[in-house]
Amino acid sequence: MTVDLREVASGDYEYLIGRVDDWWGGRSMAPMLPRLFFDHFPATTRIACDADDGATLGFVCGFVSQADPRVAYIHFVGVDPAARGRDVGRTLYRWFAAQARARGCTSIACVTSPVNTGSRAFHAAMGFSAKTVENYDGRGEDRVVFHLDLTDPSLPR
């Protein structure tokens, strides 16, 4: 399967918001995906599609930090479970890294829940370092904070 990336379009949010909970095995993830990424961050948000039939396979939503413009932040990435293991996530992350570099960023940050072992393994395979931060999102809300140094010459481009 060949993956194409395209800009967000009308209807993408509605399509994805109706599926993200299912893509996470029933976990309530929809509140983590606000429409604002589709409306206000189209330059750093992409939709992954099957090159043959145009089916939506996944998405990435992120931005360049307002506090530190050297840091790009990936807020949310989702891949349809039926498309996992087919380089959809890698394609989205590599695209985002290229966009971050083009904007002068030297690193990428993102977070996940400690229970999301799939995300933790994926980020490790992509070269991210990880640190668990207690109470990151408030009392009892620990998160694994990921960091990727975009200046590392050993990273794939």
Protein backbone atom coordinates (compact mmCIF):
# COMPACT_ATOMS: atom_id res chain seq x y z
CA MET A 1 0.00 0.00 0.00
CA THR A 2 1.25 3.45 -0.89
CA VAL A 3 0.42 6.30 1.48
CA ASP A 4 -0.30 9.80 0.20
CA LEU A 5 -0.52 12.84 2.45
CA ARG A 6 -2.91 15.67 1.75
CA GLU A 7 -4.00 18.91 3.37
CA VAL A 8 -7.02 18.81 5.62
CA ALA A 9 -10.30 19.36 3.83
CA SER A 10 -13.91 20.02 4.69
CA GLY A 11 -15.41 16.96 6.33
CA ASP A 12 -12.12 15.51 7.64
CA TYR A 13 -12.82 16.54 11.21
CA GLU A 14 -16.31 15.03 11.17
CA TYR A 15 -14.97 11.80 9.67
CA LEU A 16 -12.15 11.43 12.19
CA ILE A 17 -13.93 12.59 15.35
CA GLY A 18 -16.47 9.84 14.77
CA ARG A 19 -13.72 7.19 14.66
CA VAL A 20 -10.94 8.10 17.10
CA ASP A 21 -12.54 6.38 20.09
CA ASP A 22 -12.88 3.17 18.06
CA TRP A 23 -9.29 3.52 16.82
CA TRP A 24 -8.21 3.54 20.49
CA GLY A 25 -10.19 0.43 21.40
CA GLY A 26 -13.10 2.35 22.92
CA ARG A 27 -11.05 4.76 25.06
CA SER A 28 -12.57 8.24 25.15
CA MET A 29 -10.10 10.10 22.90
CA ALA A 30 -12.44 12.46 21.03
CA PRO A 31 -12.03 15.25 23.64
CA MET A 32 -8.30 15.25 22.84
CA LEU A 33 -8.96 16.12 19.17
CA PRO A 34 -10.36 19.64 18.95
CA ARG A 35 -11.48 21.03 15.61
CA LEU A 36 -9.05 23.94 15.99
CA PHE A 37 -6.23 21.86 14.51
CA PHE A 38 -8.18 21.40 11.31
CA ASP A 39 -9.26 25.04 11.17
CA HIS A 40 -6.17 26.89 12.44
CA PHE A 41 -3.13 24.65 11.91
CA PRO A 42 -3.48 23.28 8.36
CA ALA A 43 0.21 23.83 7.62
CA THR A 44 1.17 21.28 10.31
CA THR A 45 -1.81 18.95 10.06
CA ARG A 46 -2.09 16.25 7.40
CA ILE A 47 -4.35 13.40 6.40
CA ALA A 48 -2.84 10.09 5.30
CA CYS A 49 -4.74 8.38 2.49
CA ASP A 50 -4.45 5.16 0.54
CA ALA A 51 -2.95 6.17 -2.80
CA ASP A 52 -5.15 3.69 -4.66
CA ASP A 53 -8.61 4.39 -3.31
CA GLY A 54 -8.23 7.61 -1.29
CA ALA A 55 -9.41 5.99 1.93
CA THR A 56 -8.41 7.87 5.08
CA LEU A 57 -5.75 5.92 6.94
CA GLY A 58 -4.63 8.39 9.59
CA PHE A 59 -3.73 11.95 10.51
CA VAL A 60 -1.22 14.12 12.36
CA CYS A 61 -2.01 17.39 14.15
CA GLY A 62 0.72 19.62 15.48
CA PHE A 63 2.20 23.10 15.64
CA VAL A 64 5.33 25.12 16.28
CA SER A 65 5.56 26.14 19.94
CA GLN A 66 4.69 29.74 20.67
CA ALA A 67 6.86 29.60 23.82
CA ASP A 68 9.92 28.19 22.05
CA PRO A 69 9.91 28.35 18.24
CA ARG A 70 12.72 25.81 18.12
CA VAL A 71 10.24 23.15 19.26
CA ALA A 72 7.53 21.57 17.14
CA TYR A 73 4.81 19.79 19.08
CA ILE A 74 2.79 16.83 17.86
CA HIS A 75 -0.54 17.00 19.62
CA PHE A 76 -2.35 14.02 18.14
CA VAL A 77 -1.62 11.26 15.66
CA GLY A 78 -4.06 8.55 14.75
CA VAL A 79 -3.84 5.56 12.45
CA ASP A 80 -6.77 3.34 11.55
CA PRO A 81 -6.09 -0.03 13.23
CA ALA A 82 -6.61 -1.76 9.87
CA ALA A 83 -3.69 0.27 8.45
CA ARG A 84 -1.23 -0.16 11.32
CA GLY A 85 2.08 -1.78 10.52
CA ARG A 86 2.06 -0.30 7.00
CA ASP A 87 4.28 2.75 7.65
CA VAL A 88 1.35 5.19 7.90
CA GLY A 89 2.56 6.52 11.26
CA ARG A 90 6.17 6.70 10.08
CA THR A 91 5.11 8.58 6.97
CA LEU A 92 3.15 11.11 9.04
CA TYR A 93 6.01 11.60 11.52
CA ARG A 94 8.62 12.00 8.80
CA TRP A 95 6.45 14.57 7.05
CA PHE A 96 5.97 16.47 10.32
CA ALA A 97 9.71 16.38 11.04
CA ALA A 98 10.42 17.83 7.59
CA GLN A 99 7.89 20.61 8.20
CA ALA A 100 9.44 21.33 11.60
CA ARG A 101 12.95 21.53 10.14
CA ALA A 102 11.73 23.84 7.37
CA ARG A 103 10.34 26.16 10.06
CA GLY A 104 13.66 26.24 11.91
CA CYS A 105 12.74 23.80 14.66
CA THR A 106 15.50 21.71 16.20
CA SER A 107 13.31 19.29 18.14
CA ILE A 108 9.90 17.65 18.35
CA ALA A 109 8.01 17.07 21.57
CA CYS A 110 4.89 15.06 22.29
CA VAL A 111 3.27 13.16 25.16
CA THR A 112 1.26 10.02 25.73
CA SER A 113 -0.35 8.18 28.59
CA PRO A 114 1.87 5.64 30.37
CA VAL A 115 -0.71 2.93 29.55
CA ASN A 116 -0.31 3.50 25.81
CA THR A 117 2.39 0.89 25.27
CA GLY A 118 1.91 0.92 21.49
CA SER A 119 2.66 4.63 21.34
CA ARG A 120 5.65 4.24 23.61
CA ALA A 121 7.11 1.48 21.41
CA PHE A 122 6.45 3.46 18.23
CA HIS A 123 8.18 6.58 19.55
CA ALA A 124 11.17 4.56 20.74
CA ALA A 125 11.47 3.00 17.28
CA MET A 126 11.35 6.49 15.73
CA GLY A 127 14.29 7.63 17.88
CA PHE A 128 12.47 9.64 20.54
CA SER A 129 13.77 9.73 24.09
CA ALA A 130 11.12 9.28 26.79
CA LYS A 131 10.64 10.40 30.36
CA THR A 132 7.66 9.74 32.62
CA VAL A 133 6.52 12.92 34.36
CA GLU A 134 4.28 12.54 37.39
CA ASN A 135 1.21 14.76 37.51
CA TYR A 136 2.02 16.21 34.07
CA ASP A 137 -1.65 16.93 33.40
CA GLY A 138 -2.69 17.53 36.99
CA ARG A 139 -3.19 15.40 40.03
CA GLY A 140 -2.70 11.77 39.16
CA GLU A 141 -2.35 12.40 35.41
CA ASP A 142 1.13 11.13 34.63
CA ARG A 143 2.42 11.34 31.05
CA VAL A 144 5.34 10.02 29.08
CA VAL A 145 7.07 13.02 27.52
CA PHE A 146 8.90 12.33 24.26
CA HIS A 147 11.69 14.37 22.70
CA LEU A 148 13.33 14.03 19.29
CA ASP A 149 16.48 15.98 18.45
CA LEU A 150 16.07 17.01 14.80
CA THR A 151 19.75 17.95 14.57
CA ASP A 152 20.81 14.33 15.10
CA PRO A 153 22.48 13.35 11.79
CA SER A 154 21.68 9.66 12.33
CA LEU A 155 17.92 10.26 11.99
CA PRO A 156 16.30 9.36 8.68
CA ARG A 157 15.17 12.36 6.63
